[in-house]
Amino acid sequence: MIIPAEKDLRAVLARFAQARIEHDVRPTGRTSRDLEDATYTLCVMTGARTAEQALLAAAALLEQYSASGAGISQQNETLAA
């Protein structure tokens, strides 16, 4: 699986959240299509088959991003010392 860039993953998560909220508040054909599209994109991006799996995978990826960011920061501090 190709790992998505953090900013792209965050953008898709935000799009999914907005679509989910709009559809829950006032369901229409448009909100349903927007939610389906955002769900599909999130699933493709994370390699998941369901929205629930995609959200779990996205959370794991975000955790990896923050862990690798901390590792990079610590490595740079070591090199600077």
PDB file of N, CA and C in Angstrom:
ATOM      1  N   MET A   1       0.838  -1.182   0.000  1.00  0.00           N
ATOM      2  CA  MET A   1       0.000   0.000   0.000  1.00  0.00           C
ATOM      3  C   MET A   1       0.882   1.244   0.000  1.00  0.00           C
ATOM      4  N   ILE A   2       0.513   2.210  -0.780  1.00  0.00           N
ATOM      5  CA  ILE A   2       1.194   3.495  -0.794  1.00  0.00           C
ATOM      6  C   ILE A   2       0.690   4.283   0.412  1.00  0.00           C
ATOM      7  N   ILE A   3       1.616   4.790   1.205  1.00  0.00           N
ATOM      8  CA  ILE A   3       1.232   5.547   2.398  1.00  0.00           C
ATOM      9  C   ILE A   3       0.964   6.994   1.994  1.00  0.00           C
ATOM     10  N   PRO A   4      -0.217   7.509   2.328  1.00  0.00           N
ATOM     11  CA  PRO A   4      -0.555   8.878   1.937  1.00  0.00           C
ATOM     12  C   PRO A   4       0.226   9.904   2.751  1.00  0.00           C
ATOM     13  N   ALA A   5       0.406  11.063   2.170  1.00  0.00           N
ATOM     14  CA  ALA A   5       1.024  12.171   2.894  1.00  0.00           C
ATOM     15  C   ALA A   5       0.095  12.589   4.029  1.00  0.00           C
ATOM     16  N   GLU A   6       0.680  13.027   5.113  1.00  0.00           N
ATOM     17  CA  GLU A   6      -0.104  13.400   6.288  1.00  0.00           C
ATOM     18  C   GLU A   6      -1.133  14.476   5.961  1.00  0.00           C
ATOM     19  N   LYS A   7      -0.745  15.505   5.225  1.00  0.00           N
ATOM     20  CA  LYS A   7      -1.685  16.592   4.916  1.00  0.00           C
ATOM     21  C   LYS A   7      -2.850  16.083   4.061  1.00  0.00           C
ATOM     22  N   ASP A   8      -2.588  15.141   3.157  1.00  0.00           N
ATOM     23  CA  ASP A   8      -3.662  14.594   2.330  1.00  0.00           C
ATOM     24  C   ASP A   8      -4.619  13.758   3.171  1.00  0.00           C
ATOM     25  N   LEU A   9      -4.067  12.964   4.076  1.00  0.00           N
ATOM     26  CA  LEU A   9      -4.900  12.147   4.955  1.00  0.00           C
ATOM     27  C   LEU A   9      -5.763  13.037   5.845  1.00  0.00           C
ATOM     28  N   ARG A  10      -5.173  14.080   6.408  1.00  0.00           N
ATOM     29  CA  ARG A  10      -5.937  14.991   7.270  1.00  0.00           C
ATOM     30  C   ARG A  10      -7.047  15.695   6.477  1.00  0.00           C
ATOM     31  N   ALA A  11      -6.760  16.062   5.234  1.00  0.00           N
ATOM     32  CA  ALA A  11      -7.771  16.720   4.398  1.00  0.00           C
ATOM     33  C   ALA A  11      -8.942  15.787   4.116  1.00  0.00           C
ATOM     34  N   VAL A  12      -8.651  14.526   3.829  1.00  0.00           N
ATOM     35  CA  VAL A  12      -9.721  13.562   3.556  1.00  0.00           C
ATOM     36  C   VAL A  12     -10.518  13.268   4.833  1.00  0.00           C
ATOM     37  N   LEU A  13      -9.847  13.188   5.959  1.00  0.00           N
ATOM     38  CA  LEU A  13     -10.550  12.986   7.231  1.00  0.00           C
ATOM     39  C   LEU A  13     -11.480  14.164   7.526  1.00  0.00           C
ATOM     40  N   ALA A  14     -11.025  15.368   7.265  1.00  0.00           N
ATOM     41  CA  ALA A  14     -11.857  16.551   7.477  1.00  0.00           C
ATOM     42  C   ALA A  14     -13.059  16.542   6.533  1.00  0.00           C
ATOM     43  N   ARG A  15     -12.819  16.155   5.290  1.00  0.00           N
ATOM     44  CA  ARG A  15     -13.915  16.064   4.311  1.00  0.00           C
ATOM     45  C   ARG A  15     -14.940  15.015   4.732  1.00  0.00           C
ATOM     46  N   PHE A  16     -14.442  13.868   5.208  1.00  0.00           N
ATOM     47  CA  PHE A  16     -15.330  12.804   5.688  1.00  0.00           C
ATOM     48  C   PHE A  16     -16.153  13.297   6.880  1.00  0.00           C
ATOM     49  N   ALA A  17     -15.499  13.943   7.830  1.00  0.00           N
ATOM     50  CA  ALA A  17     -16.198  14.433   9.023  1.00  0.00           C
ATOM     51  C   ALA A  17     -17.278  15.444   8.648  1.00  0.00           C
ATOM     52  N   GLN A  18     -16.946  16.370   7.757  1.00  0.00           N
ATOM     53  CA  GLN A  18     -17.925  17.371   7.330  1.00  0.00           C
ATOM     54  C   GLN A  18     -19.104  16.708   6.626  1.00  0.00           C
ATOM     55  N   ALA A  19     -18.830  15.763   5.751  1.00  0.00           N
ATOM     56  CA  ALA A  19     -19.902  15.060   5.033  1.00  0.00           C
ATOM     57  C   ALA A  19     -20.777  14.275   6.002  1.00  0.00           C
ATOM     58  N   ARG A  20     -20.151  13.629   6.984  1.00  0.00           N
ATOM     59  CA  ARG A  20     -20.894  12.845   7.977  1.00  0.00           C
ATOM     60  C   ARG A  20     -21.824  13.751   8.785  1.00  0.00           C
ATOM     61  N   ILE A  21     -21.300  14.903   9.216  1.00  0.00           N
ATOM     62  CA  ILE A  21     -22.102  15.847  10.001  1.00  0.00           C
ATOM     63  C   ILE A  21     -23.269  16.378   9.167  1.00  0.00           C
ATOM     64  N   GLU A  22     -22.983  16.831   7.952  1.00  0.00           N
ATOM     65  CA  GLU A  22     -24.046  17.376   7.100  1.00  0.00           C
ATOM     66  C   GLU A  22     -25.120  16.333   6.830  1.00  0.00           C
ATOM     67  N   HIS A  23     -24.714  15.101   6.591  1.00  0.00           N
ATOM     68  CA  HIS A  23     -25.694  14.050   6.300  1.00  0.00           C
ATOM     69  C   HIS A  23     -26.505  13.696   7.543  1.00  0.00           C
ATOM     70  N   ASP A  24     -25.865  13.693   8.717  1.00  0.00           N
ATOM     71  CA  ASP A  24     -26.592  13.393   9.953  1.00  0.00           C
ATOM     72  C   ASP A  24     -27.587  14.491  10.309  1.00  0.00           C
ATOM     73  N   VAL A  25     -27.210  15.747  10.056  1.00  0.00           N
ATOM     74  CA  VAL A  25     -28.067  16.880  10.417  1.00  0.00           C
ATOM     75  C   VAL A  25     -29.242  17.028   9.453  1.00  0.00           C
ATOM     76  N   ARG A  26     -28.952  16.936   8.154  1.00  0.00           N
ATOM     77  CA  ARG A  26     -29.999  17.141   7.158  1.00  0.00           C
ATOM     78  C   ARG A  26     -29.750  16.241   5.963  1.00  0.00           C
ATOM     79  N   PRO A  27     -30.178  14.982   6.058  1.00  0.00           N
ATOM     80  CA  PRO A  27     -29.895  14.033   4.971  1.00  0.00           C
ATOM     81  C   PRO A  27     -30.662  14.377   3.684  1.00  0.00           C
ATOM     82  N   THR A  28     -29.895  14.457   2.609  1.00  0.00           N
ATOM     83  CA  THR A  28     -30.473  14.664   1.276  1.00  0.00           C
ATOM     84  C   THR A  28     -29.705  13.763   0.313  1.00  0.00           C
ATOM     85  N   GLY A  29     -30.131  13.757  -0.914  1.00  0.00           N
ATOM     86  CA  GLY A  29     -29.410  12.993  -1.923  1.00  0.00           C
ATOM     87  C   GLY A  29     -27.982  13.493  -2.091  1.00  0.00           C
ATOM     88  N   ARG A  30     -27.811  14.815  -2.022  1.00  0.00           N
ATOM     89  CA  ARG A  30     -26.475  15.393  -2.172  1.00  0.00           C
ATOM     90  C   ARG A  30     -25.574  15.011  -1.004  1.00  0.00           C
ATOM     91  N   THR A  31     -26.100  15.105   0.226  1.00  0.00           N
ATOM     92  CA  THR A  31     -25.262  14.759   1.382  1.00  0.00           C
ATOM     93  C   THR A  31     -24.921  13.275   1.385  1.00  0.00           C
ATOM     94  N   SER A  32     -25.835  12.460   0.901  1.00  0.00           N
ATOM     95  CA  SER A  32     -25.575  11.023   0.811  1.00  0.00           C
ATOM     96  C   SER A  32     -24.450  10.748  -0.182  1.00  0.00           C
ATOM     97  N   ARG A  33     -24.501  11.395  -1.332  1.00  0.00           N
ATOM     98  CA  ARG A  33     -23.448  11.221  -2.347  1.00  0.00           C
ATOM     99  C   ARG A  33     -22.110  11.748  -1.847  1.00  0.00           C
ATOM    100  N   ASP A  34     -22.138  12.900  -1.167  1.00  0.00           N
ATOM    101  CA  ASP A  34     -20.901  13.466  -0.627  1.00  0.00           C
ATOM    102  C   ASP A  34     -20.279  12.527   0.408  1.00  0.00           C
ATOM    103  N   LEU A  35     -21.119  11.941   1.257  1.00  0.00           N
ATOM    104  CA  LEU A  35     -20.630  11.020   2.276  1.00  0.00           C
ATOM    105  C   LEU A  35     -20.075   9.748   1.632  1.00  0.00           C
ATOM    106  N   GLU A  36     -20.779   9.226   0.645  1.00  0.00           N
ATOM    107  CA  GLU A  36     -20.289   8.035  -0.059  1.00  0.00           C
ATOM    108  C   GLU A  36     -18.949   8.305  -0.732  1.00  0.00           C
ATOM    109  N   ASP A  37     -18.818   9.468  -1.354  1.00  0.00           N
ATOM    110  CA  ASP A  37     -17.579   9.827  -2.033  1.00  0.00           C
ATOM    111  C   ASP A  37     -16.433   9.982  -1.035  1.00  0.00           C
ATOM    112  N   ALA A  38     -16.681  10.670   0.063  1.00  0.00           N
ATOM    113  CA  ALA A  38     -15.644  10.865   1.080  1.00  0.00           C
ATOM    114  C   ALA A  38     -15.252   9.531   1.715  1.00  0.00           C
ATOM    115  N   THR A  39     -16.232   8.670   1.941  1.00  0.00           N
ATOM    116  CA  THR A  39     -15.959   7.350   2.518  1.00  0.00           C
ATOM    117  C   THR A  39     -15.118   6.524   1.556  1.00  0.00           C
ATOM    118  N   TYR A  40     -15.481   6.536   0.297  1.00  0.00           N
ATOM    119  CA  TYR A  40     -14.729   5.786  -0.715  1.00  0.00           C
ATOM    120  C   TYR A  40     -13.276   6.271  -0.768  1.00  0.00           C
ATOM    121  N   THR A  41     -13.088   7.579  -0.804  1.00  0.00           N
ATOM    122  CA  THR A  41     -11.741   8.146  -0.874  1.00  0.00           C
ATOM    123  C   THR A  41     -10.926   7.751   0.348  1.00  0.00           C
ATOM    124  N   LEU A  42     -11.533   7.831   1.527  1.00  0.00           N
ATOM    125  CA  LEU A  42     -10.836   7.457   2.755  1.00  0.00           C
ATOM    126  C   LEU A  42     -10.471   5.980   2.750  1.00  0.00           C
ATOM    127  N   CYS A  43     -11.383   5.145   2.276  1.00  0.00           N
ATOM    128  CA  CYS A  43     -11.110   3.706   2.209  1.00  0.00           C
ATOM    129  C   CYS A  43      -9.972   3.400   1.240  1.00  0.00           C
ATOM    130  N   VAL A  44      -9.984   4.027   0.079  1.00  0.00           N
ATOM    131  CA  VAL A  44      -8.916   3.802  -0.904  1.00  0.00           C
ATOM    132  C   VAL A  44      -7.583   4.273  -0.337  1.00  0.00           C
ATOM    133  N   MET A  45      -7.590   5.429   0.294  1.00  0.00           N
ATOM    134  CA  MET A  45      -6.364   6.006   0.822  1.00  0.00           C
ATOM    135  C   MET A  45      -5.740   5.142   1.926  1.00  0.00           C
ATOM    136  N   THR A  46      -6.587   4.468   2.711  1.00  0.00           N
ATOM    137  CA  THR A  46      -6.090   3.675   3.837  1.00  0.00           C
ATOM    138  C   THR A  46      -6.038   2.184   3.542  1.00  0.00           C
ATOM    139  N   GLY A  47      -6.565   1.770   2.399  1.00  0.00           N
ATOM    140  CA  GLY A  47      -6.577   0.354   2.052  1.00  0.00           C
ATOM    141  C   GLY A  47      -7.603  -0.433   2.849  1.00  0.00           C
ATOM    142  N   ALA A  48      -8.663   0.235   3.285  1.00  0.00           N
ATOM    143  CA  ALA A  48      -9.698  -0.406   4.103  1.00  0.00           C
ATOM    144  C   ALA A  48     -10.946  -0.683   3.273  1.00  0.00           C
ATOM    145  N   ARG A  49     -11.817  -1.535   3.830  1.00  0.00           N
ATOM    146  CA  ARG A  49     -13.055  -1.890   3.124  1.00  0.00           C
ATOM    147  C   ARG A  49     -14.284  -1.195   3.697  1.00  0.00           C
ATOM    148  N   THR A  50     -14.198  -0.739   4.930  1.00  0.00           N
ATOM    149  CA  THR A  50     -15.341  -0.058   5.553  1.00  0.00           C
ATOM    150  C   THR A  50     -14.874   1.267   6.152  1.00  0.00           C
ATOM    151  N   ALA A  51     -15.831   2.141   6.428  1.00  0.00           N
ATOM    152  CA  ALA A  51     -15.498   3.427   7.043  1.00  0.00           C
ATOM    153  C   ALA A  51     -14.852   3.216   8.406  1.00  0.00           C
ATOM    154  N   GLU A  52     -15.361   2.272   9.166  1.00  0.00           N
ATOM    155  CA  GLU A  52     -14.814   2.004  10.504  1.00  0.00           C
ATOM    156  C   GLU A  52     -13.356   1.558  10.410  1.00  0.00           C
ATOM    157  N   GLN A  53     -13.075   0.646   9.492  1.00  0.00           N
ATOM    158  CA  GLN A  53     -11.701   0.184   9.298  1.00  0.00           C
ATOM    159  C   GLN A  53     -10.809   1.323   8.816  1.00  0.00           C
ATOM    160  N   ALA A  54     -11.339   2.151   7.935  1.00  0.00           N
ATOM    161  CA  ALA A  54     -10.569   3.272   7.398  1.00  0.00           C
ATOM    162  C   ALA A  54     -10.223   4.275   8.492  1.00  0.00           C
ATOM    163  N   LEU A  55     -11.165   4.532   9.388  1.00  0.00           N
ATOM    164  CA  LEU A  55     -10.900   5.469  10.478  1.00  0.00           C
ATOM    165  C   LEU A  55      -9.844   4.919  11.433  1.00  0.00           C
ATOM    166  N   LEU A  56      -9.910   3.624  11.701  1.00  0.00           N
ATOM    167  CA  LEU A  56      -8.887   3.000  12.549  1.00  0.00           C
ATOM    168  C   LEU A  56      -7.514   3.053  11.883  1.00  0.00           C
ATOM    169  N   ALA A  57      -7.485   2.769  10.586  1.00  0.00           N
ATOM    170  CA  ALA A  57      -6.219   2.810   9.846  1.00  0.00           C
ATOM    171  C   ALA A  57      -5.668   4.232   9.797  1.00  0.00           C
ATOM    172  N   ALA A  58      -6.552   5.206   9.613  1.00  0.00           N
ATOM    173  CA  ALA A  58      -6.120   6.606   9.579  1.00  0.00           C
ATOM    174  C   ALA A  58      -5.543   7.020  10.933  1.00  0.00           C
ATOM    175  N   ALA A  59      -6.182   6.591  12.004  1.00  0.00           N
ATOM    176  CA  ALA A  59      -5.667   6.907  13.345  1.00  0.00           C
ATOM    177  C   ALA A  59      -4.280   6.301  13.544  1.00  0.00           C
ATOM    178  N   ALA A  60      -4.089   5.078  13.078  1.00  0.00           N
ATOM    179  CA  ALA A  60      -2.778   4.427  13.192  1.00  0.00           C
ATOM    180  C   ALA A  60      -1.730   5.172  12.362  1.00  0.00           C
ATOM    181  N   LEU A  61      -2.107   5.605  11.171  1.00  0.00           N
ATOM    182  CA  LEU A  61      -1.171   6.357  10.337  1.00  0.00           C
ATOM    183  C   LEU A  61      -0.801   7.690  10.990  1.00  0.00           C
ATOM    184  N   LEU A  62      -1.780   8.380  11.553  1.00  0.00           N
ATOM    185  CA  LEU A  62      -1.498   9.653  12.211  1.00  0.00           C
ATOM    186  C   LEU A  62      -0.571   9.447  13.409  1.00  0.00           C
ATOM    187  N   GLU A  63      -0.752   8.346  14.098  1.00  0.00           N
ATOM    188  CA  GLU A  63       0.138   8.030  15.222  1.00  0.00           C
ATOM    189  C   GLU A  63       1.559   7.788  14.716  1.00  0.00           C
ATOM    190  N   GLN A  64       1.682   7.094  13.596  1.00  0.00           N
ATOM    191  CA  GLN A  64       3.006   6.861  13.008  1.00  0.00           C
ATOM    192  C   GLN A  64       3.657   8.175  12.591  1.00  0.00           C
ATOM    193  N   TYR A  65       2.852   9.078  12.011  1.00  0.00           N
ATOM    194  CA  TYR A  65       3.384  10.368  11.592  1.00  0.00           C
ATOM    195  C   TYR A  65       3.936  11.136  12.795  1.00  0.00           C
ATOM    196  N   SER A  66       3.190  11.144  13.893  1.00  0.00           N
ATOM    197  CA  SER A  66       3.650  11.893  15.062  1.00  0.00           C
ATOM    198  C   SER A  66       4.865  11.212  15.694  1.00  0.00           C
ATOM    199  N   ALA A  67       4.900   9.881  15.684  1.00  0.00           N
ATOM    200  CA  ALA A  67       6.046   9.164  16.246  1.00  0.00           C
ATOM    201  C   ALA A  67       7.294   9.409  15.404  1.00  0.00           C
ATOM    202  N   SER A  68       7.144   9.395  14.099  1.00  0.00           N
ATOM    203  CA  SER A  68       8.314   9.619  13.241  1.00  0.00           C
ATOM    204  C   SER A  68       8.746  11.077  13.314  1.00  0.00           C
ATOM    205  N   GLY A  69       7.812  11.975  13.517  1.00  0.00           N
ATOM    206  CA  GLY A  69       8.165  13.392  13.677  1.00  0.00           C
ATOM    207  C   GLY A  69       8.973  13.604  14.930  1.00  0.00           C
ATOM    208  N   ALA A  70       8.609  12.928  16.012  1.00  0.00           N
ATOM    209  CA  ALA A  70       9.357  13.042  17.259  1.00  0.00           C
ATOM    210  C   ALA A  70      10.743  12.440  17.089  1.00  0.00           C
ATOM    211  N   GLY A  71      10.824  11.333  16.364  1.00  0.00           N
ATOM    212  CA  GLY A  71      12.115  10.697  16.121  1.00  0.00           C
ATOM    213  C   GLY A  71      13.033  11.580  15.307  1.00  0.00           C
ATOM    214  N   ILE A  72      12.481  12.245  14.317  1.00  0.00           N
ATOM    215  CA  ILE A  72      13.278  13.136  13.482  1.00  0.00           C
ATOM    216  C   ILE A  72      13.767  14.319  14.309  1.00  0.00           C
ATOM    217  N   SER A  73      12.886  14.861  15.141  1.00  0.00           N
ATOM    218  CA  SER A  73      13.246  15.991  15.989  1.00  0.00           C
ATOM    219  C   SER A  73      14.371  15.608  16.947  1.00  0.00           C
ATOM    220  N   GLN A  74      14.262  14.450  17.564  1.00  0.00           N
ATOM    221  CA  GLN A  74      15.296  13.990  18.493  1.00  0.00           C
ATOM    222  C   GLN A  74      16.608  13.745  17.765  1.00  0.00           C
ATOM    223  N   GLN A  75      16.545  13.213  16.570  1.00  0.00           N
ATOM    224  CA  GLN A  75      17.753  12.951  15.800  1.00  0.00           C
ATOM    225  C   GLN A  75      18.445  14.265  15.457  1.00  0.00           C
ATOM    226  N   ASN A  76      17.682  15.282  15.064  1.00  0.00           N
ATOM    227  CA  ASN A  76      18.269  16.566  14.726  1.00  0.00           C
ATOM    228  C   ASN A  76      18.908  17.209  15.950  1.00  0.00           C
ATOM    229  N   GLU A  77      18.302  17.067  17.116  1.00  0.00           N
ATOM    230  CA  GLU A  77      18.871  17.611  18.336  1.00  0.00           C
ATOM    231  C   GLU A  77      20.191  16.925  18.650  1.00  0.00           C
ATOM    232  N   THR A  78      20.263  15.626  18.426  1.00  0.00           N
ATOM    233  CA  THR A  78      21.486  14.883  18.684  1.00  0.00           C
ATOM    234  C   THR A  78      22.590  15.348  17.752  1.00  0.00           C
ATOM    235  N   LEU A  79      22.249  15.574  16.500  1.00  0.00           N
ATOM    236  CA  LEU A  79      23.244  16.021  15.534  1.00  0.00           C
ATOM    237  C   LEU A  79      23.723  17.438  15.837  1.00  0.00           C
ATOM    238  N   ALA A  80      22.813  18.268  16.361  1.00  0.00           N
ATOM    239  CA  ALA A  80      23.176  19.640  16.652  1.00  0.00           C
ATOM    240  C   ALA A  80      24.077  19.731  17.887  1.00  0.00           C
ATOM    241  N   ALA A  81      24.001  18.782  18.777  1.00  0.00           N
ATOM    242  CA  ALA A  81      24.760  18.842  20.029  1.00  0.00           C
ATOM    243  C   ALA A  81      26.184  18.539  19.871  1.00  0.00           C
TER     244      ALA A  81
END
